[in-house]
Amino acid sequence: MNFLNGITLLLVYQLAGEIIVRLLGVPIPGPVLGMVMLFVTMMIRGRAPESVEQASTALLSHLSLLFVPAGVGMMTHFGRIADEWLPITLALLLSTVITMVATALIMQHTSRWFAKPARGQSDE
């Protein structure tokens, strides 16, 4: 029964996110907004409810099955993907490089930010 309560709570947050997105016209997916709201709720409470932990663990253990619909969708549109392989490949490569560079720069910046100055040195 705990699993069912957890799934219900996850779906309620997803539904709340969908409703808010549709009512306010927010340009993000409803499930993403619902996930943010769930995160904020758990931060305020300081922990995740046991039922949500149990449901999320069960969902994560079967995560590979959740990729099946995406794979089927790709095969359904295989002709279009074959026709537009060059822009898709360029977009994937360019976005990967941009992400890696941005991650490296952010990592450098934050490591300098959090680094403690050595003893005997002043902050100049």
N, C-alpha and C. Protein backbone atom coordinates (compact mmCIF):
# COMPACT_ATOMS: atom_id res chain seq x y z
N MET A 1 0.82 -1.19 0.00
CA MET A 1 0.00 0.00 0.00
C MET A 1 0.87 1.26 0.00
N ASN A 2 2.05 1.17 0.63
CA ASN A 2 2.97 2.30 0.68
C ASN A 2 3.40 2.72 -0.72
N PHE A 3 3.66 1.72 -1.59
CA PHE A 3 4.05 1.99 -2.97
C PHE A 3 2.94 2.75 -3.69
N LEU A 4 1.73 2.33 -3.51
CA LEU A 4 0.59 2.97 -4.16
C LEU A 4 0.43 4.42 -3.69
N ASN A 5 0.64 4.65 -2.41
CA ASN A 5 0.58 6.03 -1.89
C ASN A 5 1.68 6.89 -2.51
N GLY A 6 2.86 6.33 -2.66
CA GLY A 6 3.97 7.07 -3.25
C GLY A 6 3.72 7.42 -4.71
N ILE A 7 3.25 6.45 -5.48
CA ILE A 7 2.93 6.71 -6.89
C ILE A 7 1.83 7.76 -6.99
N THR A 8 0.83 7.65 -6.13
CA THR A 8 -0.26 8.63 -6.14
C THR A 8 0.27 10.03 -5.86
N LEU A 9 1.15 10.15 -4.89
CA LEU A 9 1.72 11.46 -4.56
C LEU A 9 2.53 12.01 -5.74
N LEU A 10 3.33 11.16 -6.39
CA LEU A 10 4.10 11.60 -7.55
C LEU A 10 3.18 12.07 -8.68
N LEU A 11 2.11 11.34 -8.90
CA LEU A 11 1.16 11.72 -9.96
C LEU A 11 0.38 12.98 -9.60
N VAL A 12 0.10 13.18 -8.33
CA VAL A 12 -0.59 14.41 -7.91
C VAL A 12 0.29 15.62 -8.19
N TYR A 13 1.57 15.51 -7.88
CA TYR A 13 2.48 16.62 -8.18
C TYR A 13 2.60 16.85 -9.68
N GLN A 14 2.63 15.77 -10.46
CA GLN A 14 2.67 15.93 -11.91
C GLN A 14 1.40 16.62 -12.41
N LEU A 15 0.26 16.21 -11.90
CA LEU A 15 -1.01 16.82 -12.29
C LEU A 15 -1.05 18.30 -11.89
N ALA A 16 -0.58 18.60 -10.69
CA ALA A 16 -0.55 20.01 -10.25
C ALA A 16 0.34 20.83 -11.17
N GLY A 17 1.47 20.27 -11.57
CA GLY A 17 2.35 20.97 -12.50
C GLY A 17 1.69 21.21 -13.84
N GLU A 18 0.98 20.20 -14.34
CA GLU A 18 0.26 20.34 -15.63
C GLU A 18 -0.81 21.43 -15.54
N ILE A 19 -1.56 21.42 -14.45
CA ILE A 19 -2.64 22.41 -14.29
C ILE A 19 -2.06 23.82 -14.23
N ILE A 20 -0.99 24.01 -13.46
CA ILE A 20 -0.39 25.34 -13.35
C ILE A 20 0.16 25.80 -14.69
N VAL A 21 0.81 24.90 -15.43
CA VAL A 21 1.37 25.26 -16.74
C VAL A 21 0.26 25.68 -17.70
N ARG A 22 -0.83 24.94 -17.69
CA ARG A 22 -1.93 25.26 -18.61
C ARG A 22 -2.67 26.53 -18.21
N LEU A 23 -2.83 26.75 -16.91
CA LEU A 23 -3.53 27.95 -16.46
C LEU A 23 -2.70 29.22 -16.65
N LEU A 24 -1.41 29.13 -16.35
CA LEU A 24 -0.56 30.32 -16.40
C LEU A 24 0.21 30.46 -17.71
N GLY A 25 0.20 29.42 -18.53
CA GLY A 25 0.93 29.48 -19.79
C GLY A 25 2.44 29.49 -19.60
N VAL A 26 2.91 28.85 -18.56
CA VAL A 26 4.35 28.79 -18.29
C VAL A 26 5.01 27.93 -19.37
N PRO A 27 6.15 28.39 -19.93
CA PRO A 27 6.75 27.66 -21.05
C PRO A 27 7.67 26.51 -20.63
N ILE A 28 7.30 25.74 -19.62
CA ILE A 28 8.05 24.54 -19.25
C ILE A 28 7.06 23.38 -19.15
N PRO A 29 7.53 22.16 -19.31
CA PRO A 29 6.62 21.01 -19.20
C PRO A 29 6.02 20.88 -17.80
N GLY A 30 4.77 20.48 -17.74
CA GLY A 30 4.08 20.30 -16.47
C GLY A 30 4.77 19.33 -15.53
N PRO A 31 5.24 18.17 -16.03
CA PRO A 31 5.92 17.24 -15.12
C PRO A 31 7.19 17.84 -14.51
N VAL A 32 7.88 18.70 -15.26
CA VAL A 32 9.08 19.34 -14.71
C VAL A 32 8.70 20.29 -13.57
N LEU A 33 7.67 21.08 -13.77
CA LEU A 33 7.20 21.97 -12.71
C LEU A 33 6.74 21.17 -11.50
N GLY A 34 6.03 20.07 -11.74
CA GLY A 34 5.61 19.20 -10.64
C GLY A 34 6.79 18.64 -9.88
N MET A 35 7.86 18.26 -10.59
CA MET A 35 9.04 17.73 -9.95
C MET A 35 9.73 18.81 -9.11
N VAL A 36 9.76 20.04 -9.60
CA VAL A 36 10.34 21.14 -8.84
C VAL A 36 9.52 21.39 -7.57
N MET A 37 8.20 21.35 -7.71
CA MET A 37 7.35 21.54 -6.53
C MET A 37 7.56 20.42 -5.51
N LEU A 38 7.70 19.18 -5.99
CA LEU A 38 7.97 18.07 -5.08
C LEU A 38 9.32 18.26 -4.39
N PHE A 39 10.32 18.71 -5.14
CA PHE A 39 11.65 18.96 -4.57
C PHE A 39 11.57 20.03 -3.48
N VAL A 40 10.86 21.11 -3.75
CA VAL A 40 10.72 22.19 -2.77
C VAL A 40 10.01 21.67 -1.52
N THR A 41 8.98 20.88 -1.71
CA THR A 41 8.25 20.30 -0.58
C THR A 41 9.18 19.43 0.27
N MET A 42 9.99 18.60 -0.39
CA MET A 42 10.89 17.73 0.36
C MET A 42 11.99 18.53 1.05
N MET A 43 12.43 19.64 0.43
CA MET A 43 13.44 20.48 1.08
C MET A 43 12.85 21.13 2.34
N ILE A 44 11.60 21.57 2.26
CA ILE A 44 10.95 22.18 3.42
C ILE A 44 10.77 21.16 4.54
N ARG A 45 10.34 19.94 4.15
CA ARG A 45 10.13 18.89 5.16
C ARG A 45 11.44 18.33 5.69
N GLY A 46 12.49 18.43 4.88
CA GLY A 46 13.79 17.91 5.30
C GLY A 46 14.04 16.47 4.91
N ARG A 47 13.07 15.83 4.33
CA ARG A 47 13.23 14.43 3.91
C ARG A 47 12.11 14.05 2.96
N ALA A 48 12.30 12.93 2.28
CA ALA A 48 11.26 12.40 1.41
C ALA A 48 10.38 11.44 2.21
N PRO A 49 9.08 11.46 1.98
CA PRO A 49 8.22 10.48 2.66
C PRO A 49 8.62 9.05 2.28
N GLU A 50 8.44 8.14 3.20
CA GLU A 50 8.80 6.73 2.96
C GLU A 50 8.11 6.17 1.73
N SER A 51 6.84 6.56 1.52
CA SER A 51 6.10 6.05 0.38
C SER A 51 6.70 6.54 -0.94
N VAL A 52 7.16 7.79 -0.97
CA VAL A 52 7.79 8.33 -2.18
C VAL A 52 9.13 7.65 -2.42
N GLU A 53 9.89 7.41 -1.36
CA GLU A 53 11.16 6.70 -1.50
C GLU A 53 10.95 5.30 -2.08
N GLN A 54 9.95 4.60 -1.57
CA GLN A 54 9.67 3.25 -2.05
C GLN A 54 9.23 3.26 -3.51
N ALA A 55 8.35 4.19 -3.88
CA ALA A 55 7.87 4.26 -5.26
C ALA A 55 8.99 4.67 -6.21
N SER A 56 9.80 5.64 -5.81
CA SER A 56 10.88 6.09 -6.70
C SER A 56 11.94 5.02 -6.87
N THR A 57 12.24 4.27 -5.82
CA THR A 57 13.19 3.17 -5.93
C THR A 57 12.68 2.11 -6.89
N ALA A 58 11.39 1.79 -6.81
CA ALA A 58 10.82 0.80 -7.71
C ALA A 58 10.85 1.30 -9.16
N LEU A 59 10.54 2.59 -9.38
CA LEU A 59 10.58 3.14 -10.73
C LEU A 59 12.01 3.15 -11.28
N LEU A 60 12.97 3.52 -10.45
CA LEU A 60 14.36 3.56 -10.91
C LEU A 60 14.90 2.17 -11.22
N SER A 61 14.43 1.15 -10.52
CA SER A 61 14.90 -0.21 -10.79
C SER A 61 14.44 -0.70 -12.16
N HIS A 62 13.39 -0.08 -12.71
CA HIS A 62 12.88 -0.45 -14.04
C HIS A 62 13.05 0.69 -15.04
N LEU A 63 14.05 1.53 -14.81
CA LEU A 63 14.25 2.72 -15.64
C LEU A 63 14.47 2.37 -17.11
N SER A 64 15.16 1.28 -17.37
CA SER A 64 15.43 0.92 -18.77
C SER A 64 14.14 0.70 -19.56
N LEU A 65 13.09 0.23 -18.92
CA LEU A 65 11.82 0.03 -19.62
C LEU A 65 11.19 1.35 -20.06
N LEU A 66 11.52 2.44 -19.36
CA LEU A 66 10.94 3.73 -19.70
C LEU A 66 11.54 4.31 -20.98
N PHE A 67 12.66 3.73 -21.46
CA PHE A 67 13.26 4.19 -22.70
C PHE A 67 12.66 3.50 -23.93
N VAL A 68 11.88 2.45 -23.73
CA VAL A 68 11.29 1.72 -24.85
C VAL A 68 10.38 2.62 -25.71
N PRO A 69 9.48 3.43 -25.13
CA PRO A 69 8.65 4.30 -25.98
C PRO A 69 9.48 5.28 -26.81
N ALA A 70 10.56 5.80 -26.26
CA ALA A 70 11.41 6.71 -27.03
C ALA A 70 12.07 5.98 -28.19
N GLY A 71 12.51 4.78 -27.96
CA GLY A 71 13.12 3.99 -29.04
C GLY A 71 12.12 3.65 -30.12
N VAL A 72 10.90 3.32 -29.74
CA VAL A 72 9.85 3.03 -30.71
C VAL A 72 9.53 4.28 -31.52
N GLY A 73 9.49 5.43 -30.84
CA GLY A 73 9.23 6.69 -31.54
C GLY A 73 10.32 6.99 -32.56
N MET A 74 11.56 6.69 -32.22
CA MET A 74 12.65 6.92 -33.17
C MET A 74 12.50 6.01 -34.38
N MET A 75 12.12 4.78 -34.16
CA MET A 75 11.97 3.87 -35.29
C MET A 75 10.77 4.26 -36.16
N THR A 76 9.76 4.81 -35.54
CA THR A 76 8.59 5.28 -36.29
C THR A 76 8.97 6.41 -37.24
N HIS A 77 9.87 7.27 -36.80
CA HIS A 77 10.30 8.42 -37.59
C HIS A 77 11.68 8.21 -38.20
N PHE A 78 12.06 6.96 -38.42
CA PHE A 78 13.40 6.66 -38.93
C PHE A 78 13.65 7.31 -40.29
N GLY A 79 12.65 7.34 -41.14
CA GLY A 79 12.81 7.96 -42.46
C GLY A 79 13.17 9.42 -42.35
N ARG A 80 12.50 10.12 -41.47
CA ARG A 80 12.79 11.55 -41.29
C ARG A 80 14.18 11.74 -40.69
N ILE A 81 14.53 10.89 -39.75
CA ILE A 81 15.86 10.97 -39.15
C ILE A 81 16.93 10.71 -40.21
N ALA A 82 16.69 9.74 -41.09
CA ALA A 82 17.65 9.45 -42.16
C ALA A 82 17.76 10.62 -43.13
N ASP A 83 16.65 11.30 -43.40
CA ASP A 83 16.68 12.45 -44.31
C ASP A 83 17.41 13.64 -43.70
N GLU A 84 17.34 13.79 -42.40
CA GLU A 84 17.91 14.97 -41.74
C GLU A 84 19.06 14.60 -40.80
N TRP A 85 19.85 13.60 -41.18
CA TRP A 85 20.92 13.12 -40.32
C TRP A 85 22.01 14.16 -40.08
N LEU A 86 22.32 14.97 -41.08
CA LEU A 86 23.40 15.95 -40.92
C LEU A 86 23.07 17.03 -39.88
N PRO A 87 21.91 17.70 -39.97
CA PRO A 87 21.60 18.69 -38.92
C PRO A 87 21.48 18.07 -37.54
N ILE A 88 20.94 16.86 -37.46
CA ILE A 88 20.79 16.20 -36.16
C ILE A 88 22.17 15.90 -35.58
N THR A 89 23.08 15.39 -36.40
CA THR A 89 24.43 15.07 -35.95
C THR A 89 25.17 16.33 -35.52
N LEU A 90 25.07 17.40 -36.32
CA LEU A 90 25.74 18.65 -35.97
C LEU A 90 25.17 19.23 -34.66
N ALA A 91 23.86 19.17 -34.50
CA ALA A 91 23.25 19.68 -33.27
C ALA A 91 23.72 18.88 -32.06
N LEU A 92 23.79 17.56 -32.20
CA LEU A 92 24.24 16.73 -31.09
C LEU A 92 25.70 17.01 -30.74
N LEU A 93 26.56 17.08 -31.75
CA LEU A 93 27.97 17.34 -31.50
C LEU A 93 28.20 18.72 -30.91
N LEU A 94 27.58 19.73 -31.50
CA LEU A 94 27.75 21.10 -31.03
C LEU A 94 27.22 21.27 -29.60
N SER A 95 26.05 20.71 -29.32
CA SER A 95 25.51 20.84 -27.96
C SER A 95 26.36 20.10 -26.94
N THR A 96 26.96 18.97 -27.35
CA THR A 96 27.85 18.23 -26.45
C THR A 96 29.09 19.05 -26.13
N VAL A 97 29.70 19.64 -27.16
CA VAL A 97 30.91 20.45 -26.95
C VAL A 97 30.59 21.67 -26.09
N ILE A 98 29.49 22.34 -26.38
CA ILE A 98 29.10 23.52 -25.58
C ILE A 98 28.86 23.13 -24.12
N THR A 99 28.21 22.01 -23.90
CA THR A 99 27.95 21.54 -22.54
C THR A 99 29.24 21.22 -21.81
N MET A 100 30.18 20.56 -22.50
CA MET A 100 31.44 20.22 -21.87
C MET A 100 32.26 21.47 -21.52
N VAL A 101 32.30 22.43 -22.43
CA VAL A 101 33.04 23.67 -22.18
C VAL A 101 32.38 24.45 -21.03
N ALA A 102 31.07 24.57 -21.06
CA ALA A 102 30.37 25.29 -19.99
C ALA A 102 30.59 24.61 -18.65
N THR A 103 30.54 23.28 -18.62
CA THR A 103 30.76 22.55 -17.37
C THR A 103 32.16 22.78 -16.85
N ALA A 104 33.15 22.74 -17.75
CA ALA A 104 34.54 22.97 -17.33
C ALA A 104 34.73 24.37 -16.78
N LEU A 105 34.16 25.37 -17.45
CA LEU A 105 34.30 26.76 -16.98
C LEU A 105 33.60 26.96 -15.63
N ILE A 106 32.42 26.39 -15.49
CA ILE A 106 31.69 26.51 -14.22
C ILE A 106 32.46 25.81 -13.11
N MET A 107 33.03 24.65 -13.42
CA MET A 107 33.81 23.91 -12.43
C MET A 107 35.03 24.72 -11.99
N GLN A 108 35.73 25.32 -12.95
CA GLN A 108 36.88 26.16 -12.61
C GLN A 108 36.47 27.34 -11.73
N HIS A 109 35.39 27.99 -12.13
CA HIS A 109 34.92 29.16 -11.38
C HIS A 109 34.51 28.78 -9.96
N THR A 110 33.75 27.73 -9.82
CA THR A 110 33.29 27.35 -8.48
C THR A 110 34.41 26.79 -7.62
N SER A 111 35.38 26.11 -8.23
CA SER A 111 36.49 25.60 -7.42
C SER A 111 37.35 26.75 -6.90
N ARG A 112 37.52 27.82 -7.70
CA ARG A 112 38.23 29.01 -7.21
C ARG A 112 37.42 29.71 -6.13
N TRP A 113 36.12 29.73 -6.30
CA TRP A 113 35.22 30.41 -5.38
C TRP A 113 35.24 29.74 -4.00
N PHE A 114 35.25 28.39 -4.02
CA PHE A 114 35.21 27.65 -2.76
C PHE A 114 36.59 27.34 -2.20
N ALA A 115 37.65 27.59 -2.96
CA ALA A 115 39.00 27.28 -2.48
C ALA A 115 39.36 28.21 -1.34
N LYS A 116 39.97 27.62 -0.34
CA LYS A 116 40.40 28.42 0.82
C LYS A 116 41.81 28.93 0.54
N PRO A 117 42.09 30.21 0.86
CA PRO A 117 43.44 30.71 0.64
C PRO A 117 44.43 30.01 1.54
N ALA A 118 45.65 29.80 1.03
CA ALA A 118 46.70 29.13 1.81
C ALA A 118 47.10 30.02 2.98
N ARG A 119 47.64 29.43 4.04
CA ARG A 119 48.05 30.18 5.22
C ARG A 119 49.17 31.15 4.86
N GLY A 120 49.09 32.32 5.42
CA GLY A 120 50.13 33.31 5.21
C GLY A 120 49.91 34.15 3.95
N GLN A 121 48.91 33.82 3.14
CA GLN A 121 48.64 34.61 1.94
C GLN A 121 47.44 35.48 2.21
N SER A 122 47.47 36.66 1.62
CA SER A 122 46.35 37.56 1.80
C SER A 122 45.51 37.56 0.54
N ASP A 123 44.25 37.96 0.68
CA ASP A 123 43.36 38.07 -0.47
C ASP A 123 43.61 39.41 -1.14
N GLU A 124 44.31 39.43 -2.22
CA GLU A 124 44.57 40.68 -2.93
C GLU A 124 43.86 40.69 -4.23
